[in-house]
């Protein structure tokens, strides 16, 4: 599986035509204690850059943008009861939604893990 990152601190991990989307460790650290996550509905069509989800912390509310275009096939239901999963495992169990990619080539303009780490180091 390949993982790609955006400058807005979202990640997408590809497994064939299916992408799992979440926010990065860096993003959850900036937000602080997460108290609410609103994930997109199954079947929602998203275009790369669309507002896809909302994450609220004790500090602020932030939009989460879709890093790719496609159709949402699943929101992470566990986040409704346990939004802190994002703090505990942002790049694992704290994922936000799964999407069927309509244009897999969109990831070619995104950063890989090494490039993202270099990007964060400059912030």
PDB file of N, CA and C in Angstrom:
ATOM      1  N   UNK A   1       0.842  -1.188   0.000  1.00  0.00           N
ATOM      2  CA  UNK A   1       0.000   0.000   0.000  1.00  0.00           C
ATOM      3  C   UNK A   1       0.883   1.246   0.000  1.00  0.00           C
ATOM      4  N   UNK A   2       0.412   2.260  -0.677  1.00  0.00           N
ATOM      5  CA  UNK A   2       1.160   3.506  -0.772  1.00  0.00           C
ATOM      6  C   UNK A   2       0.407   4.605  -0.038  1.00  0.00           C
ATOM      7  N   UNK A   3       1.152   5.443   0.654  1.00  0.00           N
ATOM      8  CA  UNK A   3       0.555   6.556   1.401  1.00  0.00           C
ATOM      9  C   UNK A   3       1.081   7.875   0.847  1.00  0.00           C
ATOM     10  N   UNK A   4       0.154   8.831   0.676  1.00  0.00           N
ATOM     11  CA  UNK A   4       0.479  10.140   0.132  1.00  0.00           C
ATOM     12  C   UNK A   4      -0.069  11.212   1.064  1.00  0.00           C
ATOM     13  N   UNK A   5       0.566  12.413   1.022  1.00  0.00           N
ATOM     14  CA  UNK A   5       0.243  13.483   1.957  1.00  0.00           C
ATOM     15  C   UNK A   5      -0.017  14.793   1.222  1.00  0.00           C
ATOM     16  N   UNK A   6      -0.855  15.662   1.835  1.00  0.00           N
ATOM     17  CA  UNK A   6      -1.118  16.997   1.290  1.00  0.00           C
ATOM     18  C   UNK A   6      -0.467  18.045   2.185  1.00  0.00           C
ATOM     19  N   UNK A   7      -0.356  19.258   1.661  1.00  0.00           N
ATOM     20  CA  UNK A   7       0.166  20.368   2.460  1.00  0.00           C
ATOM     21  C   UNK A   7      -0.819  20.794   3.539  1.00  0.00           C
ATOM     22  N   UNK A   8      -2.074  20.333   3.449  1.00  0.00           N
ATOM     23  CA  UNK A   8      -3.076  20.610   4.489  1.00  0.00           C
ATOM     24  C   UNK A   8      -3.072  19.531   5.576  1.00  0.00           C
ATOM     25  N   UNK A   9      -2.107  18.611   5.495  1.00  0.00           N
ATOM     26  CA  UNK A   9      -1.892  17.583   6.519  1.00  0.00           C
ATOM     27  C   UNK A   9      -2.956  16.489   6.523  1.00  0.00           C
ATOM     28  N   UNK A  10      -3.493  16.180   5.332  1.00  0.00           N
ATOM     29  CA  UNK A  10      -4.299  14.975   5.184  1.00  0.00           C
ATOM     30  C   UNK A  10      -3.402  13.902   4.570  1.00  0.00           C
ATOM     31  N   UNK A  11      -3.767  12.653   4.790  1.00  0.00           N
ATOM     32  CA  UNK A  11      -3.071  11.537   4.139  1.00  0.00           C
ATOM     33  C   UNK A  11      -4.114  10.649   3.476  1.00  0.00           C
ATOM     34  N   UNK A  12      -3.681   9.940   2.457  1.00  0.00           N
ATOM     35  CA  UNK A  12      -4.505   8.921   1.815  1.00  0.00           C
ATOM     36  C   UNK A  12      -3.609   7.715   1.569  1.00  0.00           C
ATOM     37  N   UNK A  13      -4.106   6.563   1.971  1.00  0.00           N
ATOM     38  CA  UNK A  13      -3.384   5.314   1.753  1.00  0.00           C
ATOM     39  C   UNK A  13      -4.166   4.514   0.730  1.00  0.00           C
ATOM     40  N   UNK A  14      -3.493   4.129  -0.347  1.00  0.00           N
ATOM     41  CA  UNK A  14      -4.162   3.436  -1.434  1.00  0.00           C
ATOM     42  C   UNK A  14      -4.015   1.931  -1.313  1.00  0.00           C
ATOM     43  N   UNK A  15      -5.131   1.262  -1.567  1.00  0.00           N
ATOM     44  CA  UNK A  15      -5.164  -0.192  -1.690  1.00  0.00           C
ATOM     45  C   UNK A  15      -5.960  -0.442  -2.965  1.00  0.00           C
ATOM     46  N   UNK A  16      -5.256  -0.484  -4.097  1.00  0.00           N
ATOM     47  CA  UNK A  16      -5.932  -0.558  -5.389  1.00  0.00           C
ATOM     48  C   UNK A  16      -6.642   0.762  -5.660  1.00  0.00           C
ATOM     49  N   UNK A  17      -7.956   0.693  -5.925  1.00  0.00           N
ATOM     50  CA  UNK A  17      -8.746   1.895  -6.232  1.00  0.00           C
ATOM     51  C   UNK A  17      -9.388   2.493  -4.974  1.00  0.00           C
ATOM     52  N   UNK A  18      -9.118   1.895  -3.809  1.00  0.00           N
ATOM     53  CA  UNK A  18      -9.711   2.364  -2.554  1.00  0.00           C
ATOM     54  C   UNK A  18      -8.672   3.174  -1.777  1.00  0.00           C
ATOM     55  N   UNK A  19      -9.094   4.365  -1.331  1.00  0.00           N
ATOM     56  CA  UNK A  19      -8.222   5.199  -0.519  1.00  0.00           C
ATOM     57  C   UNK A  19      -8.795   5.352   0.872  1.00  0.00           C
ATOM     58  N   UNK A  20      -7.949   5.214   1.891  1.00  0.00           N
ATOM     59  CA  UNK A  20      -8.325   5.504   3.271  1.00  0.00           C
ATOM     60  C   UNK A  20      -7.722   6.860   3.607  1.00  0.00           C
ATOM     61  N   UNK A  21      -8.563   7.768   4.149  1.00  0.00           N
ATOM     62  CA  UNK A  21      -8.160   9.155   4.356  1.00  0.00           C
ATOM     63  C   UNK A  21      -8.194   9.516   5.839  1.00  0.00           C
ATOM     64  N   UNK A  22      -7.216  10.286   6.275  1.00  0.00           N
ATOM     65  CA  UNK A  22      -7.192  10.788   7.644  1.00  0.00           C
ATOM     66  C   UNK A  22      -6.328  12.031   7.727  1.00  0.00           C
ATOM     67  N   UNK A  23      -6.091  12.489   8.948  1.00  0.00           N
ATOM     68  CA  UNK A  23      -5.178  13.615   9.163  1.00  0.00           C
ATOM     69  C   UNK A  23      -3.882  13.073   9.764  1.00  0.00           C
ATOM     70  N   UNK A  24      -2.831  13.828   9.610  1.00  0.00           N
ATOM     71  CA  UNK A  24      -1.508  13.377  10.035  1.00  0.00           C
ATOM     72  C   UNK A  24      -1.287  13.560  11.538  1.00  0.00           C
ATOM     73  N   UNK A  25      -0.241  12.915  12.023  1.00  0.00           N
ATOM     74  CA  UNK A  25       0.193  13.101  13.421  1.00  0.00           C
ATOM     75  C   UNK A  25       0.409  14.584  13.698  1.00  0.00           C
ATOM     76  N   UNK A  26       1.075  15.263  12.752  1.00  0.00           N
ATOM     77  CA  UNK A  26       1.357  16.688  12.923  1.00  0.00           C
ATOM     78  C   UNK A  26       0.047  17.462  13.113  1.00  0.00           C
ATOM     79  N   UNK A  27      -0.955  17.180  12.282  1.00  0.00           N
ATOM     80  CA  UNK A  27      -2.229  17.901  12.365  1.00  0.00           C
ATOM     81  C   UNK A  27      -2.910  17.670  13.709  1.00  0.00           C
ATOM     82  N   UNK A  28      -2.942  16.421  14.166  1.00  0.00           N
ATOM     83  CA  UNK A  28      -3.625  16.158  15.440  1.00  0.00           C
ATOM     84  C   UNK A  28      -2.875  16.805  16.599  1.00  0.00           C
ATOM     85  N   UNK A  29      -1.535  16.896  16.503  1.00  0.00           N
ATOM     86  CA  UNK A  29      -0.764  17.572  17.555  1.00  0.00           C
ATOM     87  C   UNK A  29      -1.110  19.054  17.597  1.00  0.00           C
ATOM     88  N   UNK A  30      -1.288  19.672  16.422  1.00  0.00           N
ATOM     89  CA  UNK A  30      -1.631  21.092  16.354  1.00  0.00           C
ATOM     90  C   UNK A  30      -3.035  21.345  16.907  1.00  0.00           C
ATOM     91  N   UNK A  31      -3.945  20.408  16.685  1.00  0.00           N
ATOM     92  CA  UNK A  31      -5.328  20.573  17.134  1.00  0.00           C
ATOM     93  C   UNK A  31      -5.480  20.387  18.644  1.00  0.00           C
ATOM     94  N   UNK A  32      -4.691  19.495  19.221  1.00  0.00           N
ATOM     95  CA  UNK A  32      -4.856  19.182  20.639  1.00  0.00           C
ATOM     96  C   UNK A  32      -5.932  18.118  20.828  1.00  0.00           C
ATOM     97  N   UNK A  33      -6.559  18.095  22.001  1.00  0.00           N
ATOM     98  CA  UNK A  33      -7.524  17.044  22.328  1.00  0.00           C
ATOM     99  C   UNK A  33      -8.757  17.135  21.438  1.00  0.00           C
ATOM    100  N   UNK A  34      -8.978  16.110  20.640  1.00  0.00           N
ATOM    101  CA  UNK A  34     -10.106  16.088  19.706  1.00  0.00           C
ATOM    102  C   UNK A  34     -11.351  15.579  20.423  1.00  0.00           C
ATOM    103  N   UNK A  35     -12.444  16.351  20.278  1.00  0.00           N
ATOM    104  CA  UNK A  35     -13.677  16.048  21.010  1.00  0.00           C
ATOM    105  C   UNK A  35     -14.838  15.657  20.095  1.00  0.00           C
ATOM    106  N   UNK A  36     -14.704  15.896  18.772  1.00  0.00           N
ATOM    107  CA  UNK A  36     -15.793  15.576  17.846  1.00  0.00           C
ATOM    108  C   UNK A  36     -15.237  15.433  16.432  1.00  0.00           C
ATOM    109  N   UNK A  37     -15.756  14.435  15.710  1.00  0.00           N
ATOM    110  CA  UNK A  37     -15.398  14.257  14.300  1.00  0.00           C
ATOM    111  C   UNK A  37     -16.677  13.990  13.529  1.00  0.00           C
ATOM    112  N   UNK A  38     -16.869  14.720  12.433  1.00  0.00           N
ATOM    113  CA  UNK A  38     -18.009  14.517  11.542  1.00  0.00           C
ATOM    114  C   UNK A  38     -17.460  14.002  10.219  1.00  0.00           C
ATOM    115  N   UNK A  39     -17.753  12.743   9.891  1.00  0.00           N
ATOM    116  CA  UNK A  39     -17.250  12.142   8.659  1.00  0.00           C
ATOM    117  C   UNK A  39     -18.313  12.227   7.565  1.00  0.00           C
ATOM    118  N   UNK A  40     -17.903  12.137   6.299  1.00  0.00           N
ATOM    119  CA  UNK A  40     -18.874  12.240   5.201  1.00  0.00           C
ATOM    120  C   UNK A  40     -19.773  11.004   5.113  1.00  0.00           C
ATOM    121  N   UNK A  41     -20.957  11.218   4.544  1.00  0.00           N
ATOM    122  CA  UNK A  41     -21.925  10.136   4.359  1.00  0.00           C
ATOM    123  C   UNK A  41     -21.463   9.179   3.262  1.00  0.00           C
ATOM    124  N   UNK A  42     -21.800   7.906   3.422  1.00  0.00           N
ATOM    125  CA  UNK A  42     -21.557   6.920   2.388  1.00  0.00           C
ATOM    126  C   UNK A  42     -22.282   7.353   1.114  1.00  0.00           C
ATOM    127  N   UNK A  43     -21.610   7.235  -0.018  1.00  0.00           N
ATOM    128  CA  UNK A  43     -22.211   7.609  -1.297  1.00  0.00           C
ATOM    129  C   UNK A  43     -21.940   9.040  -1.718  1.00  0.00           C
ATOM    130  N   UNK A  44     -21.388   9.857  -0.822  1.00  0.00           N
ATOM    131  CA  UNK A  44     -21.109  11.256  -1.159  1.00  0.00           C
ATOM    132  C   UNK A  44     -19.998  11.328  -2.203  1.00  0.00           C
ATOM    133  N   UNK A  45     -20.242  12.137  -3.230  1.00  0.00           N
ATOM    134  CA  UNK A  45     -19.230  12.361  -4.270  1.00  0.00           C
ATOM    135  C   UNK A  45     -18.344  13.528  -3.829  1.00  0.00           C
ATOM    136  N   UNK A  46     -17.047  13.317  -3.874  1.00  0.00           N
ATOM    137  CA  UNK A  46     -16.100  14.366  -3.496  1.00  0.00           C
ATOM    138  C   UNK A  46     -15.134  14.633  -4.648  1.00  0.00           C
ATOM    139  N   UNK A  47     -14.774  15.891  -4.793  1.00  0.00           N
ATOM    140  CA  UNK A  47     -13.736  16.292  -5.728  1.00  0.00           C
ATOM    141  C   UNK A  47     -12.519  16.657  -4.891  1.00  0.00           C
ATOM    142  N   UNK A  48     -11.343  16.367  -5.419  1.00  0.00           N
ATOM    143  CA  UNK A  48     -10.101  16.696  -4.713  1.00  0.00           C
ATOM    144  C   UNK A  48     -10.171  18.134  -4.219  1.00  0.00           C
ATOM    145  N   UNK A  49      -9.934  18.350  -2.926  1.00  0.00           N
ATOM    146  CA  UNK A  49      -9.954  19.680  -2.331  1.00  0.00           C
ATOM    147  C   UNK A  49     -11.279  20.050  -1.685  1.00  0.00           C
ATOM    148  N   UNK A  50     -12.329  19.238  -1.905  1.00  0.00           N
ATOM    149  CA  UNK A  50     -13.628  19.510  -1.272  1.00  0.00           C
ATOM    150  C   UNK A  50     -13.542  19.343   0.239  1.00  0.00           C
ATOM    151  N   UNK A  51     -14.367  20.124   0.963  1.00  0.00           N
ATOM    152  CA  UNK A  51     -14.509  19.885   2.396  1.00  0.00           C
ATOM    153  C   UNK A  51     -15.199  18.536   2.557  1.00  0.00           C
ATOM    154  N   UNK A  52     -14.572  17.635   3.299  1.00  0.00           N
ATOM    155  CA  UNK A  52     -15.090  16.284   3.408  1.00  0.00           C
ATOM    156  C   UNK A  52     -15.534  15.941   4.825  1.00  0.00           C
ATOM    157  N   UNK A  53     -14.852  16.486   5.817  1.00  0.00           N
ATOM    158  CA  UNK A  53     -15.130  16.150   7.208  1.00  0.00           C
ATOM    159  C   UNK A  53     -14.823  17.367   8.073  1.00  0.00           C
ATOM    160  N   UNK A  54     -15.273  17.298   9.323  1.00  0.00           N
ATOM    161  CA  UNK A  54     -14.979  18.347  10.292  1.00  0.00           C
ATOM    162  C   UNK A  54     -14.402  17.682  11.527  1.00  0.00           C
ATOM    163  N   UNK A  55     -13.366  18.292  12.074  1.00  0.00           N
ATOM    164  CA  UNK A  55     -12.775  17.800  13.310  1.00  0.00           C
ATOM    165  C   UNK A  55     -12.749  18.969  14.297  1.00  0.00           C
ATOM    166  N   UNK A  56     -13.261  18.708  15.503  1.00  0.00           N
ATOM    167  CA  UNK A  56     -13.274  19.750  16.534  1.00  0.00           C
ATOM    168  C   UNK A  56     -12.405  19.306  17.701  1.00  0.00           C
ATOM    169  N   UNK A  57     -11.627  20.262  18.184  1.00  0.00           N
ATOM    170  CA  UNK A  57     -10.792  19.999  19.351  1.00  0.00           C
ATOM    171  C   UNK A  57     -11.143  21.036  20.412  1.00  0.00           C
ATOM    172  N   UNK A  58     -10.488  20.932  21.555  1.00  0.00           N
ATOM    173  CA  UNK A  58     -10.714  21.925  22.597  1.00  0.00           C
ATOM    174  C   UNK A  58     -10.216  23.295  22.149  1.00  0.00           C
ATOM    175  N   UNK A  59      -9.330  23.342  21.135  1.00  0.00           N
ATOM    176  CA  UNK A  59      -8.772  24.601  20.640  1.00  0.00           C
ATOM    177  C   UNK A  59      -9.591  25.207  19.506  1.00  0.00           C
ATOM    178  N   UNK A  60     -10.052  24.368  18.553  1.00  0.00           N
ATOM    179  CA  UNK A  60     -10.659  24.913  17.335  1.00  0.00           C
ATOM    180  C   UNK A  60     -11.404  23.837  16.562  1.00  0.00           C
ATOM    181  N   UNK A  61     -12.182  24.283  15.589  1.00  0.00           N
ATOM    182  CA  UNK A  61     -12.801  23.369  14.620  1.00  0.00           C
ATOM    183  C   UNK A  61     -12.078  23.553  13.296  1.00  0.00           C
ATOM    184  N   UNK A  62     -11.838  22.465  12.597  1.00  0.00           N
ATOM    185  CA  UNK A  62     -11.127  22.528  11.324  1.00  0.00           C
ATOM    186  C   UNK A  62     -11.828  21.655  10.298  1.00  0.00           C
ATOM    187  N   UNK A  63     -11.792  22.114   9.056  1.00  0.00           N
ATOM    188  CA  UNK A  63     -12.280  21.289   7.962  1.00  0.00           C
ATOM    189  C   UNK A  63     -11.188  20.330   7.542  1.00  0.00           C
ATOM    190  N   UNK A  64     -11.603  19.161   7.103  1.00  0.00           N
ATOM    191  CA  UNK A  64     -10.693  18.178   6.524  1.00  0.00           C
ATOM    192  C   UNK A  64     -11.079  18.077   5.057  1.00  0.00           C
ATOM    193  N   UNK A  65     -10.101  18.256   4.177  1.00  0.00           N
ATOM    194  CA  UNK A  65     -10.354  18.274   2.744  1.00  0.00           C
ATOM    195  C   UNK A  65     -10.019  16.917   2.132  1.00  0.00           C
ATOM    196  N   UNK A  66     -10.780  16.559   1.119  1.00  0.00           N
ATOM    197  CA  UNK A  66     -10.510  15.288   0.452  1.00  0.00           C
ATOM    198  C   UNK A  66      -9.244  15.429  -0.394  1.00  0.00           C
ATOM    199  N   UNK A  67      -8.257  14.561  -0.173  1.00  0.00           N
ATOM    200  CA  UNK A  67      -7.029  14.649  -0.960  1.00  0.00           C
ATOM    201  C   UNK A  67      -7.183  14.088  -2.377  1.00  0.00           C
ATOM    202  N   UNK A  68      -8.305  13.396  -2.622  1.00  0.00           N
ATOM    203  CA  UNK A  68      -8.562  12.768  -3.923  1.00  0.00           C
ATOM    204  C   UNK A  68     -10.039  12.891  -4.265  1.00  0.00           C
ATOM    205  N   UNK A  69     -10.353  12.685  -5.539  1.00  0.00           N
ATOM    206  CA  UNK A  69     -11.744  12.685  -6.006  1.00  0.00           C
ATOM    207  C   UNK A  69     -12.290  11.262  -5.993  1.00  0.00           C
ATOM    208  N   UNK A  70     -13.607  11.146  -5.729  1.00  0.00           N
ATOM    209  CA  UNK A  70     -14.222   9.829  -5.773  1.00  0.00           C
ATOM    210  C   UNK A  70     -15.506   9.788  -4.976  1.00  0.00           C
ATOM    211  N   UNK A  71     -15.923   8.565  -4.644  1.00  0.00           N
ATOM    212  CA  UNK A  71     -17.163   8.322  -3.921  1.00  0.00           C
ATOM    213  C   UNK A  71     -16.848   7.720  -2.560  1.00  0.00           C
ATOM    214  N   UNK A  72     -17.386   8.319  -1.509  1.00  0.00           N
ATOM    215  CA  UNK A  72     -17.181   7.814  -0.150  1.00  0.00           C
ATOM    216  C   UNK A  72     -17.887   6.464  -0.018  1.00  0.00           C
ATOM    217  N   UNK A  73     -17.152   5.462   0.466  1.00  0.00           N
ATOM    218  CA  UNK A  73     -17.767   4.148   0.670  1.00  0.00           C
ATOM    219  C   UNK A  73     -17.957   3.828   2.152  1.00  0.00           C
ATOM    220  N   UNK A  74     -17.288   4.600   3.022  1.00  0.00           N
ATOM    221  CA  UNK A  74     -17.427   4.327   4.458  1.00  0.00           C
ATOM    222  C   UNK A  74     -16.845   5.475   5.261  1.00  0.00           C
ATOM    223  N   UNK A  75     -17.561   5.869   6.314  1.00  0.00           N
ATOM    224  CA  UNK A  75     -17.016   6.780   7.308  1.00  0.00           C
ATOM    225  C   UNK A  75     -16.586   5.935   8.504  1.00  0.00           C
ATOM    226  N   UNK A  76     -15.624   6.389   9.258  1.00  0.00           N
ATOM    227  CA  UNK A  76     -15.146   5.636  10.422  1.00  0.00           C
ATOM    228  C   UNK A  76     -16.126   5.834  11.576  1.00  0.00           C
ATOM    229  N   UNK A  77     -17.054   4.883  11.723  1.00  0.00           N
ATOM    230  CA  UNK A  77     -18.102   4.976  12.744  1.00  0.00           C
ATOM    231  C   UNK A  77     -17.526   5.027  14.155  1.00  0.00           C
ATOM    232  N   UNK A  78     -16.355   4.461  14.375  1.00  0.00           N
ATOM    233  CA  UNK A  78     -15.744   4.452  15.710  1.00  0.00           C
ATOM    234  C   UNK A  78     -15.461   5.863  16.217  1.00  0.00           C
ATOM    235  N   UNK A  79     -15.287   6.820  15.303  1.00  0.00           N
ATOM    236  CA  UNK A  79     -14.963   8.188  15.723  1.00  0.00           C
ATOM    237  C   UNK A  79     -16.149   8.898  16.369  1.00  0.00           C
ATOM    238  N   UNK A  80     -17.373   8.448  16.085  1.00  0.00           N
ATOM    239  CA  UNK A  80     -18.554   9.067  16.702  1.00  0.00           C
ATOM    240  C   UNK A  80     -18.519   8.884  18.217  1.00  0.00           C
ATOM    241  N   UNK A  81     -18.156   7.689  18.662  1.00  0.00           N
ATOM    242  CA  UNK A  81     -18.087   7.392  20.096  1.00  0.00           C
ATOM    243  C   UNK A  81     -16.725   7.714  20.697  1.00  0.00           C
ATOM    244  N   UNK A  82     -15.681   7.655  19.882  1.00  0.00           N
ATOM    245  CA  UNK A  82     -14.317   7.819  20.386  1.00  0.00           C
ATOM    246  C   UNK A  82     -13.496   8.749  19.501  1.00  0.00           C
ATOM    247  N   UNK A  83     -13.834  10.048  19.472  1.00  0.00           N
ATOM    248  CA  UNK A  83     -13.056  10.962  18.627  1.00  0.00           C
ATOM    249  C   UNK A  83     -11.583  11.022  19.028  1.00  0.00           C
ATOM    250  N   UNK A  84     -11.275  10.657  20.264  1.00  0.00           N
ATOM    251  CA  UNK A  84      -9.882  10.677  20.728  1.00  0.00           C
ATOM    252  C   UNK A  84      -9.015   9.654  20.000  1.00  0.00           C
ATOM    253  N   UNK A  85      -9.624   8.729  19.251  1.00  0.00           N
ATOM    254  CA  UNK A  85      -8.839   7.793  18.434  1.00  0.00           C
ATOM    255  C   UNK A  85      -7.912   8.558  17.492  1.00  0.00           C
ATOM    256  N   UNK A  86      -8.348   9.741  17.063  1.00  0.00           N
ATOM    257  CA  UNK A  86      -7.515  10.545  16.167  1.00  0.00           C
ATOM    258  C   UNK A  86      -6.244  10.976  16.898  1.00  0.00           C
ATOM    259  N   UNK A  87      -6.357  11.363  18.175  1.00  0.00           N
ATOM    260  CA  UNK A  87      -5.168  11.724  18.958  1.00  0.00           C
ATOM    261  C   UNK A  87      -4.293  10.502  19.213  1.00  0.00           C
ATOM    262  N   UNK A  88      -4.940   9.374  19.479  1.00  0.00           N
ATOM    263  CA  UNK A  88      -4.194   8.164  19.848  1.00  0.00           C
ATOM    264  C   UNK A  88      -3.489   7.523  18.658  1.00  0.00           C
ATOM    265  N   UNK A  89      -4.113   7.558  17.473  1.00  0.00           N
ATOM    266  CA  UNK A  89      -3.574   6.840  16.318  1.00  0.00           C
ATOM    267  C   UNK A  89      -4.043   7.519  15.030  1.00  0.00           C
ATOM    268  N   UNK A  90      -3.602   8.763  14.817  1.00  0.00           N
ATOM    269  CA  UNK A  90      -4.081   9.570  13.686  1.00  0.00           C
ATOM    270  C   UNK A  90      -3.850   8.898  12.339  1.00  0.00           C
ATOM    271  N   UNK A  91      -2.754   8.177  12.219  1.00  0.00           N
ATOM    272  CA  UNK A  91      -2.425   7.584  10.924  1.00  0.00           C
ATOM    273  C   UNK A  91      -2.717   6.083  10.902  1.00  0.00           C
ATOM    274  N   UNK A  92      -3.617   5.655  11.805  1.00  0.00           N
ATOM    275  CA  UNK A  92      -4.022   4.246  11.855  1.00  0.00           C
ATOM    276  C   UNK A  92      -5.508   4.152  12.124  1.00  0.00           C
ATOM    277  N   UNK A  93      -5.885   3.733  13.357  1.00  0.00           N
ATOM    278  CA  UNK A  93      -7.301   3.547  13.706  1.00  0.00           C
ATOM    279  C   UNK A  93      -8.107   4.841  13.684  1.00  0.00           C
ATOM    280  N   UNK A  94      -7.445   5.986  13.675  1.00  0.00           N
ATOM    281  CA  UNK A  94      -8.139   7.272  13.661  1.00  0.00           C
ATOM    282  C   UNK A  94      -8.442   7.798  12.263  1.00  0.00           C
ATOM    283  N   UNK A  95      -8.463   6.918  11.265  1.00  0.00           N
ATOM    284  CA  UNK A  95      -8.804   7.339   9.896  1.00  0.00           C
ATOM    285  C   UNK A  95     -10.216   7.909   9.854  1.00  0.00           C
ATOM    286  N   UNK A  96     -10.512   8.737   8.849  1.00  0.00           N
ATOM    287  CA  UNK A  96     -11.803   9.429   8.749  1.00  0.00           C
ATOM    288  C   UNK A  96     -12.783   8.744   7.808  1.00  0.00           C
ATOM    289  N   UNK A  97     -12.333   8.451   6.572  1.00  0.00           N
ATOM    290  CA  UNK A  97     -13.248   7.823   5.608  1.00  0.00           C
ATOM    291  C   UNK A  97     -12.478   7.059   4.544  1.00  0.00           C
ATOM    292  N   UNK A  98     -13.229   6.175   3.853  1.00  0.00           N
ATOM    293  CA  UNK A  98     -12.689   5.417   2.722  1.00  0.00           C
ATOM    294  C   UNK A  98     -13.416   5.885   1.478  1.00  0.00           C
ATOM    295  N   UNK A  99     -12.679   5.944   0.383  1.00  0.00           N
ATOM    296  CA  UNK A  99     -13.202   6.506  -0.859  1.00  0.00           C
ATOM    297  C   UNK A  99     -12.738   5.662  -2.047  1.00  0.00           C
ATOM    298  N   UNK A 100     -13.637   5.460  -3.015  1.00  0.00           N
ATOM    299  CA  UNK A 100     -13.256   4.836  -4.271  1.00  0.00           C
ATOM    300  C   UNK A 100     -12.765   5.949  -5.185  1.00  0.00           C
ATOM    301  N   UNK A 101     -11.521   5.873  -5.597  1.00  0.00           N
ATOM    302  CA  UNK A 101     -10.922   6.938  -6.394  1.00  0.00           C
ATOM    303  C   UNK A 101     -11.483   6.957  -7.815  1.00  0.00           C
ATOM    304  N   UNK A 102     -11.847   8.152  -8.283  1.00  0.00           N
ATOM    305  CA  UNK A 102     -12.299   8.283  -9.666  1.00  0.00           C
ATOM    306  C   UNK A 102     -11.121   8.596 -10.591  1.00  0.00           C
ATOM    307  N   UNK A 103     -10.018   9.114 -10.030  1.00  0.00           N
ATOM    308  CA  UNK A 103      -8.833   9.442 -10.821  1.00  0.00           C
ATOM    309  C   UNK A 103      -7.576   9.163  -9.993  1.00  0.00           C
ATOM    310  N   UNK A 104      -7.122   7.900 -10.002  1.00  0.00           N
ATOM    311  CA  UNK A 104      -5.958   7.540  -9.182  1.00  0.00           C
ATOM    312  C   UNK A 104      -4.696   8.348  -9.485  1.00  0.00           C
ATOM    313  N   UNK A 105      -4.609   8.955 -10.666  1.00  0.00           N
ATOM    314  CA  UNK A 105      -3.411   9.725 -11.007  1.00  0.00           C
ATOM    315  C   UNK A 105      -3.285  11.004 -10.168  1.00  0.00           C
ATOM    316  N   UNK A 106      -4.366  11.403  -9.471  1.00  0.00           N
ATOM    317  CA  UNK A 106      -4.300  12.613  -8.638  1.00  0.00           C
ATOM    318  C   UNK A 106      -3.218  12.516  -7.565  1.00  0.00           C
ATOM    319  N   UNK A 107      -2.903  11.314  -7.120  1.00  0.00           N
ATOM    320  CA  UNK A 107      -1.900  11.180  -6.052  1.00  0.00           C
ATOM    321  C   UNK A 107      -0.498  11.511  -6.542  1.00  0.00           C
ATOM    322  N   UNK A 108      -0.298  11.545  -7.860  1.00  0.00           N
ATOM    323  CA  UNK A 108       1.037  11.808  -8.393  1.00  0.00           C
ATOM    324  C   UNK A 108       1.546  13.197  -8.019  1.00  0.00           C
ATOM    325  N   UNK A 109       0.625  14.135  -7.730  1.00  0.00           N
ATOM    326  CA  UNK A 109       1.045  15.492  -7.361  1.00  0.00           C
ATOM    327  C   UNK A 109       1.190  15.654  -5.849  1.00  0.00           C
ATOM    328  N   UNK A 110       0.971  14.579  -5.089  1.00  0.00           N
ATOM    329  CA  UNK A 110       1.062  14.638  -3.630  1.00  0.00           C
ATOM    330  C   UNK A 110       2.453  14.217  -3.165  1.00  0.00           C
ATOM    331  N   UNK A 111       2.730  14.466  -1.878  1.00  0.00           N
ATOM    332  CA  UNK A 111       4.024  14.120  -1.296  1.00  0.00           C
ATOM    333  C   UNK A 111       4.024  12.685  -0.779  1.00  0.00           C
ATOM    334  N   UNK A 112       5.172  12.027  -0.907  1.00  0.00           N
ATOM    335  CA  UNK A 112       5.337  10.742  -0.236  1.00  0.00           C
ATOM    336  C   UNK A 112       5.782  11.020   1.208  1.00  0.00           C
ATOM    337  N   UNK A 113       5.995   9.966   1.974  1.00  0.00           N
ATOM    338  CA  UNK A 113       6.309  10.134   3.394  1.00  0.00           C
ATOM    339  C   UNK A 113       7.579  10.953   3.628  1.00  0.00           C
ATOM    340  N   UNK A 114       8.618  10.702   2.836  1.00  0.00           N
ATOM    341  CA  UNK A 114       9.895  11.407   2.987  1.00  0.00           C
ATOM    342  C   UNK A 114       9.713  12.898   2.687  1.00  0.00           C
ATOM    343  N   UNK A 115       9.011  13.209   1.599  1.00  0.00           N
ATOM    344  CA  UNK A 115       8.788  14.611   1.224  1.00  0.00           C
ATOM    345  C   UNK A 115       7.912  15.312   2.264  1.00  0.00           C
ATOM    346  N   UNK A 116       6.917  14.593   2.806  1.00  0.00           N
ATOM    347  CA  UNK A 116       6.053  15.207   3.815  1.00  0.00           C
ATOM    348  C   UNK A 116       6.837  15.510   5.094  1.00  0.00           C
ATOM    349  N   UNK A 117       7.687  14.578   5.519  1.00  0.00           N
ATOM    350  CA  UNK A 117       8.498  14.816   6.728  1.00  0.00           C
ATOM    351  C   UNK A 117       9.391  16.032   6.538  1.00  0.00           C
ATOM    352  N   UNK A 118       9.948  16.199   5.336  1.00  0.00           N
ATOM    353  CA  UNK A 118      10.787  17.370   5.041  1.00  0.00           C
ATOM    354  C   UNK A 118       9.931  18.645   5.068  1.00  0.00           C
ATOM    355  N   UNK A 119       8.709  18.567   4.547  1.00  0.00           N
ATOM    356  CA  UNK A 119       7.791  19.706   4.528  1.00  0.00           C
ATOM    357  C   UNK A 119       7.464  20.143   5.973  1.00  0.00           C
ATOM    358  N   UNK A 120       7.131  19.176   6.827  1.00  0.00           N
ATOM    359  CA  UNK A 120       6.777  19.482   8.224  1.00  0.00           C
ATOM    360  C   UNK A 120       7.981  20.061   8.970  1.00  0.00           C
ATOM    361  N   UNK A 121       9.170  19.561   8.665  1.00  0.00           N
ATOM    362  CA  UNK A 121      10.381  20.047   9.333  1.00  0.00           C
ATOM    363  C   UNK A 121      10.622  21.537   9.075  1.00  0.00           C
ATOM    364  N   UNK A 122      10.109  22.044   7.950  1.00  0.00           N
ATOM    365  CA  UNK A 122      10.290  23.463   7.604  1.00  0.00           C
ATOM    366  C   UNK A 122       9.223  24.357   8.241  1.00  0.00           C
ATOM    367  N   UNK A 123       8.210  23.777   8.860  1.00  0.00           N
ATOM    368  CA  UNK A 123       7.117  24.585   9.428  1.00  0.00           C
ATOM    369  C   UNK A 123       7.495  25.181  10.774  1.00  0.00           C
TER     370      UNK A 123
END
